């Protein structure tokens, strides 16, 4: 029996930097959408409840329209992450997350229509004929295209092409909203230094697992978690596929839920501990003139030193360095950072040395890097735009209860 729960994705989405990239990217993927949820549909439950999903621009969005967006998003994820099974399983088992992305997609399609963004038949045809999914031996194959639509997608060509049209309109919407975006020379240089400049830090490390032994989970909390998340608690099929995936029973899921709740509580306790330690270390250094290492040691934490590292590196014990380098951008040399959550725990650090980026290499790569910085700024701009657009729309259903309307 292979039991799977999306703790992998929970760890990913605790990192704001990663979540911005992943969640935003899913909205603008230009990929065909498979409808793979069988003959199920979104419809009003027999129980009392909303008759529609919500309102966008004062227009009701039917549960059917919402389901269409949900199925499309799910399909885009399958195509984008088919060769990364951990990420794929974590996404597909997280129905509330899929629902959130689907709702945002509907908002963007509505905005594209308001701005009268037109996608011609020629645009749609070009996309389909150049997509690798429908190519054989490097060229578009119309017979293979018809076969995929008929046997894998289950859509008539007209319905599929309209879905593609909406996908392209979202991409053009992004281009329209970011058309006046400017990138300064200083921004390009600063980002280049962040990526290619190296730093060395001293840090104290607070591990959540050190708090696990102090955590006790109540049976009522385990049952409550199961009821709210049982759609994400899946017994995976056997390798030959003879036994289909199924929802885990409470007994089968109990241990996994307990471990997850313990880990989550341990992270909370480690976070509180790090805040207290930060204040005490700062006070000890300011009032008694102690070094960072001696101040930390007073409270039971030994300070360690890293070698020089880049933003793209992975550090022993600490994991991906990007979170640390982003925090370090706001910290002066030998200044004590506020607590920073890494993939493996929480650190408090000071920068002890820097190695600047290669200036000559920067001059050669500047033009290409400017495109990268503009894309980063565009993503942030669109994230802010989407937040405002969400505020103008209103949901009639709860995204974490989306399965109530799915049958």
Protein backbone atom coordinates (compact mmCIF):
# COMPACT_ATOMS: atom_id res chain seq x y z
CA UNK A 1 0.00 0.00 0.00
CA UNK A 2 1.51 3.31 -1.08
CA UNK A 3 0.08 6.20 0.95
CA UNK A 4 0.63 9.76 -0.21
CA UNK A 5 -0.16 13.13 1.35
CA UNK A 6 1.01 16.49 0.06
CA UNK A 7 3.44 17.39 2.88
CA UNK A 8 6.04 17.90 0.14
CA UNK A 9 3.99 20.77 -1.30
CA UNK A 10 3.26 22.22 2.12
CA UNK A 11 7.00 22.65 2.61
CA UNK A 12 7.33 24.26 -0.81
CA UNK A 13 4.55 26.79 -0.27
CA UNK A 14 5.91 27.96 3.08
CA UNK A 15 8.54 29.69 0.96
CA UNK A 16 7.09 32.89 -0.46
CA UNK A 17 9.76 33.24 -3.12
CA UNK A 18 9.03 29.79 -4.54
CA UNK A 19 5.25 30.13 -4.29
CA UNK A 20 5.26 33.37 -6.28
CA UNK A 21 7.09 31.67 -9.11
CA UNK A 22 5.00 28.50 -9.13
CA UNK A 23 1.52 29.93 -8.58
CA UNK A 24 1.93 32.84 -10.93
CA UNK A 25 3.55 30.66 -13.58
CA UNK A 26 0.58 28.28 -13.63
CA UNK A 27 -1.72 31.12 -14.65
CA UNK A 28 0.22 32.03 -17.76
CA UNK A 29 1.26 28.60 -19.01
CA UNK A 30 0.35 28.25 -22.65
CA UNK A 31 -0.50 24.56 -22.66
CA UNK A 32 -3.51 22.63 -23.95
CA UNK A 33 -5.95 21.56 -21.27
CA UNK A 34 -6.97 17.93 -20.89
CA UNK A 35 -10.31 17.26 -19.22
CA UNK A 36 -9.32 14.25 -17.14
CA UNK A 37 -11.89 14.14 -14.38
CA UNK A 38 -14.09 11.65 -16.17
CA UNK A 39 -17.73 12.59 -16.59
CA UNK A 40 -17.88 14.47 -13.31
CA UNK A 41 -19.03 18.05 -13.27
CA UNK A 42 -19.48 21.01 -11.01
CA UNK A 43 -23.10 21.46 -10.09
CA UNK A 44 -25.19 22.69 -7.21
CA UNK A 45 -25.30 20.19 -4.39
CA UNK A 46 -28.61 18.70 -3.36
CA UNK A 47 -27.92 20.27 0.01
CA UNK A 48 -28.58 23.95 0.52
CA UNK A 49 -25.78 26.03 -0.90
CA UNK A 50 -24.79 28.56 -3.54
CA UNK A 51 -26.11 28.16 -7.06
CA UNK A 52 -23.01 29.72 -8.59
CA UNK A 53 -19.28 29.97 -7.86
CA UNK A 54 -19.04 33.74 -7.45
CA UNK A 55 -19.11 37.07 -9.23
CA UNK A 56 -16.53 38.71 -11.48
CA UNK A 57 -17.32 42.24 -12.66
CA UNK A 58 -20.81 41.85 -11.17
CA UNK A 59 -21.49 38.87 -13.42
CA UNK A 60 -22.31 35.48 -11.95
CA UNK A 61 -19.82 32.70 -12.65
CA UNK A 62 -21.66 29.38 -12.85
CA UNK A 63 -20.34 26.27 -11.16
CA UNK A 64 -19.97 24.81 -14.65
CA UNK A 65 -17.71 27.67 -15.75
CA UNK A 66 -15.66 27.28 -12.60
CA UNK A 67 -15.30 23.55 -13.22
CA UNK A 68 -14.08 24.23 -16.76
CA UNK A 69 -11.32 26.49 -15.40
CA UNK A 70 -10.49 23.95 -12.70
CA UNK A 71 -10.15 21.12 -15.20
CA UNK A 72 -7.99 23.30 -17.43
CA UNK A 73 -5.62 24.24 -14.62
CA UNK A 74 -5.34 20.64 -13.48
CA UNK A 75 -4.46 19.62 -17.00
CA UNK A 76 -1.83 22.31 -17.38
CA UNK A 77 -0.13 21.00 -14.24
CA UNK A 78 -0.15 17.44 -15.59
CA UNK A 79 1.52 18.55 -18.79
CA UNK A 80 4.03 20.80 -17.08
CA UNK A 81 5.09 18.44 -14.29
CA UNK A 82 4.51 14.97 -15.79
CA UNK A 83 8.21 14.16 -15.34
CA UNK A 84 8.36 15.47 -11.73
CA UNK A 85 6.08 13.02 -9.88
CA UNK A 86 6.49 14.47 -6.37
CA UNK A 87 5.45 17.96 -7.44
CA UNK A 88 2.74 16.57 -9.71
CA UNK A 89 1.16 14.45 -6.98
CA UNK A 90 1.38 17.26 -4.45
CA UNK A 91 -0.37 19.69 -6.79
CA UNK A 92 -3.10 17.33 -7.92
CA UNK A 93 -3.95 16.23 -4.40
CA UNK A 94 -4.35 19.83 -3.24
CA UNK A 95 -7.87 20.63 -4.48
CA UNK A 96 -8.14 24.01 -2.67
CA UNK A 97 -4.92 25.17 -4.34
CA UNK A 98 -6.19 24.11 -7.78
CA UNK A 99 -9.45 25.94 -7.07
CA UNK A 100 -7.57 29.14 -6.15
CA UNK A 101 -5.58 29.06 -9.39
CA UNK A 102 -8.75 28.32 -11.41
CA UNK A 103 -10.56 31.32 -9.88
CA UNK A 104 -7.63 33.60 -10.70
CA UNK A 105 -7.63 32.26 -14.25
CA UNK A 106 -11.29 33.21 -14.65
CA UNK A 107 -10.52 36.72 -13.38
CA UNK A 108 -7.74 37.14 -15.94
CA UNK A 109 -9.83 35.85 -18.83
CA UNK A 110 -12.56 38.33 -17.84
CA UNK A 111 -10.04 41.18 -17.76
CA UNK A 112 -8.72 40.22 -21.20
CA UNK A 113 -12.27 40.46 -22.55
CA UNK A 114 -12.78 43.89 -20.94
CA UNK A 115 -9.62 45.15 -22.59
CA UNK A 116 -10.89 43.74 -25.89
CA UNK A 117 -7.84 41.57 -26.40
CA UNK A 118 -8.52 39.69 -29.60
CA UNK A 119 -7.00 36.32 -30.44
CA UNK A 120 -7.40 35.42 -34.09
CA UNK A 121 -7.97 31.96 -35.51
CA UNK A 122 -4.51 32.30 -37.03
CA UNK A 123 -3.00 32.74 -33.54
CA UNK A 124 -4.77 29.60 -32.31
CA UNK A 125 -3.74 27.54 -35.32
CA UNK A 126 -0.12 28.67 -35.02
CA UNK A 127 -0.03 27.68 -31.35
CA UNK A 128 -1.50 24.23 -31.97
CA UNK A 129 0.69 23.51 -34.98
CA UNK A 130 3.88 24.47 -33.15
CA UNK A 131 3.13 22.70 -29.88
CA UNK A 132 5.36 19.61 -29.38
CA UNK A 133 2.44 17.57 -28.05
CA UNK A 134 0.97 17.38 -31.55
CA UNK A 135 4.21 16.88 -33.43
CA UNK A 136 5.74 13.74 -34.82
CA UNK A 137 9.31 13.73 -36.09
CA UNK A 138 9.47 17.47 -35.44
CA UNK A 139 6.44 18.44 -37.53
CA UNK A 140 2.74 18.98 -36.82
CA UNK A 141 0.66 15.89 -37.62
CA UNK A 142 -3.05 16.61 -38.14
CA UNK A 143 -4.00 12.94 -37.84
CA UNK A 144 -2.09 12.64 -34.57
CA UNK A 145 -3.74 15.88 -33.39
CA UNK A 146 -7.18 14.44 -34.11
CA UNK A 147 -6.24 11.19 -32.35
CA UNK A 148 -5.07 13.04 -29.20
CA UNK A 149 -8.24 15.15 -29.09
CA UNK A 150 -10.48 12.14 -29.56
CA UNK A 151 -8.78 9.58 -27.31
CA UNK A 152 -6.84 11.56 -24.69
CA UNK A 153 -8.51 14.92 -24.31
CA UNK A 154 -12.11 14.01 -25.00
CA UNK A 155 -12.93 17.38 -26.54
CA UNK A 156 -14.27 18.41 -29.88
CA UNK A 157 -11.76 20.52 -31.84
CA UNK A 158 -13.91 23.66 -31.46
CA UNK A 159 -14.06 23.39 -27.65
CA UNK A 160 -10.34 22.68 -27.41
CA UNK A 161 -9.44 25.58 -29.67
CA UNK A 162 -11.52 28.00 -27.59
CA UNK A 163 -9.65 26.85 -24.51
CA UNK A 164 -6.38 27.54 -26.29
CA UNK A 165 -7.72 30.96 -27.33
CA UNK A 166 -8.32 31.85 -23.67
CA UNK A 167 -4.83 30.68 -22.71
CA UNK A 168 -3.25 32.91 -25.32
CA UNK A 169 -5.41 35.85 -24.25
CA UNK A 170 -4.02 35.55 -20.71
CA UNK A 171 -0.48 35.70 -22.04
CA UNK A 172 -1.31 38.81 -24.08
CA UNK A 173 -3.00 40.38 -21.05
CA UNK A 174 0.27 40.07 -19.14
CA UNK A 175 2.11 41.77 -22.01
CA UNK A 176 -0.44 44.62 -22.11
CA UNK A 177 -0.36 45.31 -18.38
CA UNK A 178 3.44 45.26 -18.26
CA UNK A 179 4.01 47.23 -21.46
CA UNK A 180 5.29 50.37 -19.68
CA UNK A 181 7.44 48.51 -17.18
CA UNK A 182 10.93 50.02 -16.95
CA UNK A 183 14.11 48.49 -15.58
CA UNK A 184 16.89 50.81 -14.40
CA UNK A 185 20.63 50.26 -14.71
CA UNK A 186 20.85 50.19 -10.92
CA UNK A 187 18.20 47.45 -10.63
CA UNK A 188 20.02 45.29 -13.17
CA UNK A 189 23.34 45.72 -11.36
CA UNK A 190 21.80 45.05 -7.93
CA UNK A 191 20.11 41.84 -9.07
CA UNK A 192 23.30 40.67 -10.76
CA UNK A 193 25.24 41.25 -7.54
CA UNK A 194 22.62 39.30 -5.59
CA UNK A 195 22.90 36.34 -7.93
CA UNK A 196 26.64 36.29 -8.58
CA UNK A 197 28.06 37.98 -5.51
CA UNK A 198 29.14 35.55 -2.77
CA UNK A 199 28.72 35.88 0.97
CA UNK A 200 29.98 34.05 4.04
CA UNK A 201 27.86 34.02 7.17
CA UNK A 202 27.97 33.00 10.81
CA UNK A 203 24.67 31.62 12.03
CA UNK A 204 22.85 29.89 14.85
CA UNK A 205 20.42 27.19 13.80
CA UNK A 206 17.10 26.31 15.44
CA UNK A 207 15.75 22.95 14.27
CA UNK A 208 11.99 22.30 14.46
CA UNK A 209 12.63 18.59 14.96
CA UNK A 210 14.19 19.45 18.31
CA UNK A 211 10.70 20.40 19.52
CA UNK A 212 8.92 17.25 18.29
CA UNK A 213 9.34 15.43 21.60
CA UNK A 214 7.46 18.21 23.40
CA UNK A 215 4.47 18.16 21.04
CA UNK A 216 1.29 16.26 21.89
CA UNK A 217 -1.54 16.02 19.38
CA UNK A 218 -5.15 15.56 20.47
CA UNK A 219 -7.28 12.87 18.80
CA UNK A 220 -9.98 15.48 18.10
CA UNK A 221 -7.46 17.55 16.11
CA UNK A 222 -6.47 14.52 14.03
CA UNK A 223 -10.11 13.73 13.23
CA UNK A 224 -10.84 17.36 12.38
CA UNK A 225 -7.87 17.49 10.02
CA UNK A 226 -8.98 14.27 8.34
CA UNK A 227 -12.51 15.59 7.71
CA UNK A 228 -11.22 18.84 6.23
CA UNK A 229 -8.50 17.27 4.07
CA UNK A 230 -9.57 13.73 3.28
CA UNK A 231 -9.70 14.56 -0.44
CA UNK A 232 -5.91 15.01 -0.29
CA UNK A 233 -5.26 11.79 1.61
CA UNK A 234 -4.78 9.22 -1.14
CA UNK A 235 -3.81 5.56 -1.31
CA UNK A 236 -1.83 5.35 -4.54
CA UNK A 237 -2.54 2.65 -7.09
CA UNK A 238 -0.21 -0.28 -7.56
CA UNK A 239 2.45 0.00 -10.25
CA UNK A 240 0.45 -1.95 -12.84
CA UNK A 241 -2.62 0.21 -12.28
CA UNK A 242 -4.88 -2.76 -11.54
CA UNK A 243 -6.00 -1.07 -8.32
CA UNK A 244 -7.05 2.58 -8.78
CA UNK A 245 -6.16 5.45 -6.47
CA UNK A 246 -8.59 5.79 -3.59
CA UNK A 247 -9.23 8.00 -0.59
CA UNK A 248 -7.55 6.77 2.59
CA UNK A 249 -9.67 5.75 5.56
CA UNK A 250 -9.16 7.55 8.86
CA UNK A 251 -7.29 4.55 10.25
CA UNK A 252 -4.94 4.46 7.27
CA UNK A 253 -4.29 8.20 7.44
CA UNK A 254 -4.06 8.62 11.23
CA UNK A 255 -0.28 8.23 11.60
CA UNK A 256 0.51 10.52 8.66
CA UNK A 257 -1.84 13.20 9.99
CA UNK A 258 -0.37 12.98 13.49
CA UNK A 259 3.16 13.36 12.10
CA UNK A 260 2.11 16.29 9.94
CA UNK A 261 0.40 18.09 12.83
CA UNK A 262 3.42 17.45 15.07
CA UNK A 263 5.77 18.89 12.45
CA UNK A 264 3.56 21.96 11.98
CA UNK A 265 3.41 22.58 15.73
CA UNK A 266 7.18 22.05 16.04
CA UNK A 267 7.74 24.72 13.35
CA UNK A 268 5.53 27.14 15.32
CA UNK A 269 7.48 26.51 18.50
CA UNK A 270 10.81 26.87 16.73
CA UNK A 271 9.59 30.16 15.25
CA UNK A 272 8.63 31.49 18.68
CA UNK A 273 11.95 30.31 20.12
CA UNK A 274 13.87 32.06 17.34
CA UNK A 275 12.07 35.34 18.03
CA UNK A 276 12.94 35.15 21.72
CA UNK A 277 16.56 34.17 21.05
CA UNK A 278 16.95 37.03 18.55
CA UNK A 279 15.88 39.62 21.15
CA UNK A 280 18.09 38.11 23.86
CA UNK A 281 21.18 37.89 21.63
CA UNK A 282 20.76 41.49 20.45
CA UNK A 283 20.40 42.66 24.05
CA UNK A 284 23.41 40.65 25.22
CA UNK A 285 25.59 42.09 22.44
CA UNK A 286 24.41 45.67 22.97
CA UNK A 287 24.60 45.81 26.76
CA UNK A 288 27.59 43.56 27.45
CA UNK A 289 29.58 43.99 24.23
CA UNK A 290 29.66 40.27 23.52
CA UNK A 291 30.34 38.82 20.10
CA UNK A 292 27.53 37.08 18.24
CA UNK A 293 29.04 33.68 19.02
CA UNK A 294 29.40 34.28 22.77
CA UNK A 295 25.94 35.83 23.06
CA UNK A 296 24.35 32.87 21.27
CA UNK A 297 26.29 30.34 23.36
CA UNK A 298 24.86 31.81 26.55
CA UNK A 299 21.44 30.60 25.40
CA UNK A 300 22.65 27.18 24.34
CA UNK A 301 23.27 27.77 20.63
CA UNK A 302 26.67 27.29 18.98
CA UNK A 303 27.38 29.59 16.06
CA UNK A 304 28.68 27.98 12.86
CA UNK A 305 30.28 29.51 9.76
CA UNK A 306 29.51 28.73 6.12
CA UNK A 307 31.94 28.81 3.21
CA UNK A 308 31.32 31.47 0.55
CA UNK A 309 28.10 30.71 -1.33
CA UNK A 310 25.97 31.99 -4.21
CA UNK A 311 22.21 32.48 -4.30
CA UNK A 312 21.90 29.35 -6.46
CA UNK A 313 23.84 27.11 -4.06
CA UNK A 314 22.53 24.52 -1.61
CA UNK A 315 24.05 24.62 1.87
CA UNK A 316 24.69 21.64 4.13
CA UNK A 317 22.01 21.46 6.85
CA UNK A 318 20.33 24.67 5.66
CA UNK A 319 19.10 23.74 2.18
CA UNK A 320 18.58 26.21 -0.68
CA UNK A 321 20.63 29.39 -0.24
CA UNK A 322 18.19 31.69 -2.08
CA UNK A 323 16.06 32.38 1.00
CA UNK A 324 19.18 33.41 2.94
CA UNK A 325 20.61 35.63 0.19
CA UNK A 326 17.27 37.41 -0.20
CA UNK A 327 17.29 38.18 3.53
CA UNK A 328 20.98 39.12 3.40
CA UNK A 329 20.25 41.87 0.85
CA UNK A 330 18.68 43.89 3.69
CA UNK A 331 21.44 43.16 6.25
CA UNK A 332 24.67 45.13 6.65
CA UNK A 333 27.98 43.44 7.38
CA UNK A 334 28.15 42.15 10.98
CA UNK A 335 24.56 43.21 11.58
CA UNK A 336 22.39 40.48 13.14
CA UNK A 337 19.55 39.34 10.91
CA UNK A 338 16.04 38.68 12.09
CA UNK A 339 15.05 34.97 12.13
CA UNK A 340 14.92 33.45 8.64
CA UNK A 341 13.09 30.20 7.91
CA UNK A 342 15.09 27.91 5.64
CA UNK A 343 13.94 24.60 4.21
CA UNK A 344 15.42 22.74 7.20
CA UNK A 345 14.98 25.13 10.10
CA UNK A 346 15.31 28.71 11.30
CA UNK A 347 18.56 30.68 11.37
CA UNK A 348 19.77 33.98 12.78
CA UNK A 349 22.93 35.14 11.04
CA UNK A 350 25.48 37.86 10.41
CA UNK A 351 27.46 38.45 7.21
CA UNK A 352 31.18 38.19 7.93
CA UNK A 353 32.57 38.58 4.40
CA UNK A 354 31.51 39.33 0.83
CA UNK A 355 32.98 38.59 -2.60
CA UNK A 356 31.66 40.95 -5.26
CA UNK A 357 30.45 39.77 -8.66
CA UNK A 358 32.81 39.82 -11.65
CA UNK A 359 32.38 43.27 -13.23
CA UNK A 360 33.78 42.26 -16.62
CA UNK A 361 31.47 39.27 -16.82
CA UNK A 362 28.55 41.51 -15.91
CA UNK A 363 29.29 43.82 -18.85
CA UNK A 364 29.14 40.87 -21.24
CA UNK A 365 25.93 39.44 -19.77
CA UNK A 366 24.16 42.70 -18.95
CA UNK A 367 21.76 42.78 -21.91
CA UNK A 368 20.59 39.20 -21.37
CA UNK A 369 20.34 39.69 -17.62
CA UNK A 370 18.23 42.82 -18.12
CA UNK A 371 15.55 40.60 -19.72
CA UNK A 372 15.60 38.36 -16.66
CA UNK A 373 15.21 41.31 -14.29
CA UNK A 374 12.32 42.67 -16.34
CA UNK A 375 10.60 39.31 -16.15
CA UNK A 376 11.04 39.28 -12.37
CA UNK A 377 9.56 42.77 -12.10
CA UNK A 378 6.73 41.79 -14.42
CA UNK A 379 5.87 38.84 -12.17
CA UNK A 380 5.73 41.10 -9.11
CA UNK A 381 3.64 43.66 -10.97
CA UNK A 382 1.16 41.02 -12.08
CA UNK A 383 0.99 39.54 -8.60
CA UNK A 384 -0.02 42.94 -7.21
CA UNK A 385 -2.49 43.48 -10.05
CA UNK A 386 -4.08 40.11 -9.41
CA UNK A 387 -4.52 40.86 -5.69
CA UNK A 388 -6.48 44.02 -6.57
CA UNK A 389 -8.53 42.15 -9.18
CA UNK A 390 -9.39 39.47 -6.59
CA UNK A 391 -10.65 42.20 -4.26
CA UNK A 392 -13.08 43.37 -6.96
CA UNK A 393 -14.44 39.84 -7.43
CA UNK A 394 -16.37 37.82 -4.86
CA UNK A 395 -16.63 34.10 -4.20
CA UNK A 396 -19.89 32.41 -3.28
CA UNK A 397 -18.18 29.12 -2.45
CA UNK A 398 -15.28 28.27 -0.17
CA UNK A 399 -12.25 27.16 -2.14
CA UNK A 400 -11.21 24.74 0.60
CA UNK A 401 -14.63 23.07 0.30
CA UNK A 402 -14.70 22.85 -3.47
CA UNK A 403 -15.39 19.10 -3.45
CA UNK A 404 -18.84 19.73 -2.03
CA UNK A 405 -19.82 20.98 -5.48
CA UNK A 406 -17.97 18.31 -7.45
CA UNK A 407 -19.73 15.17 -8.63
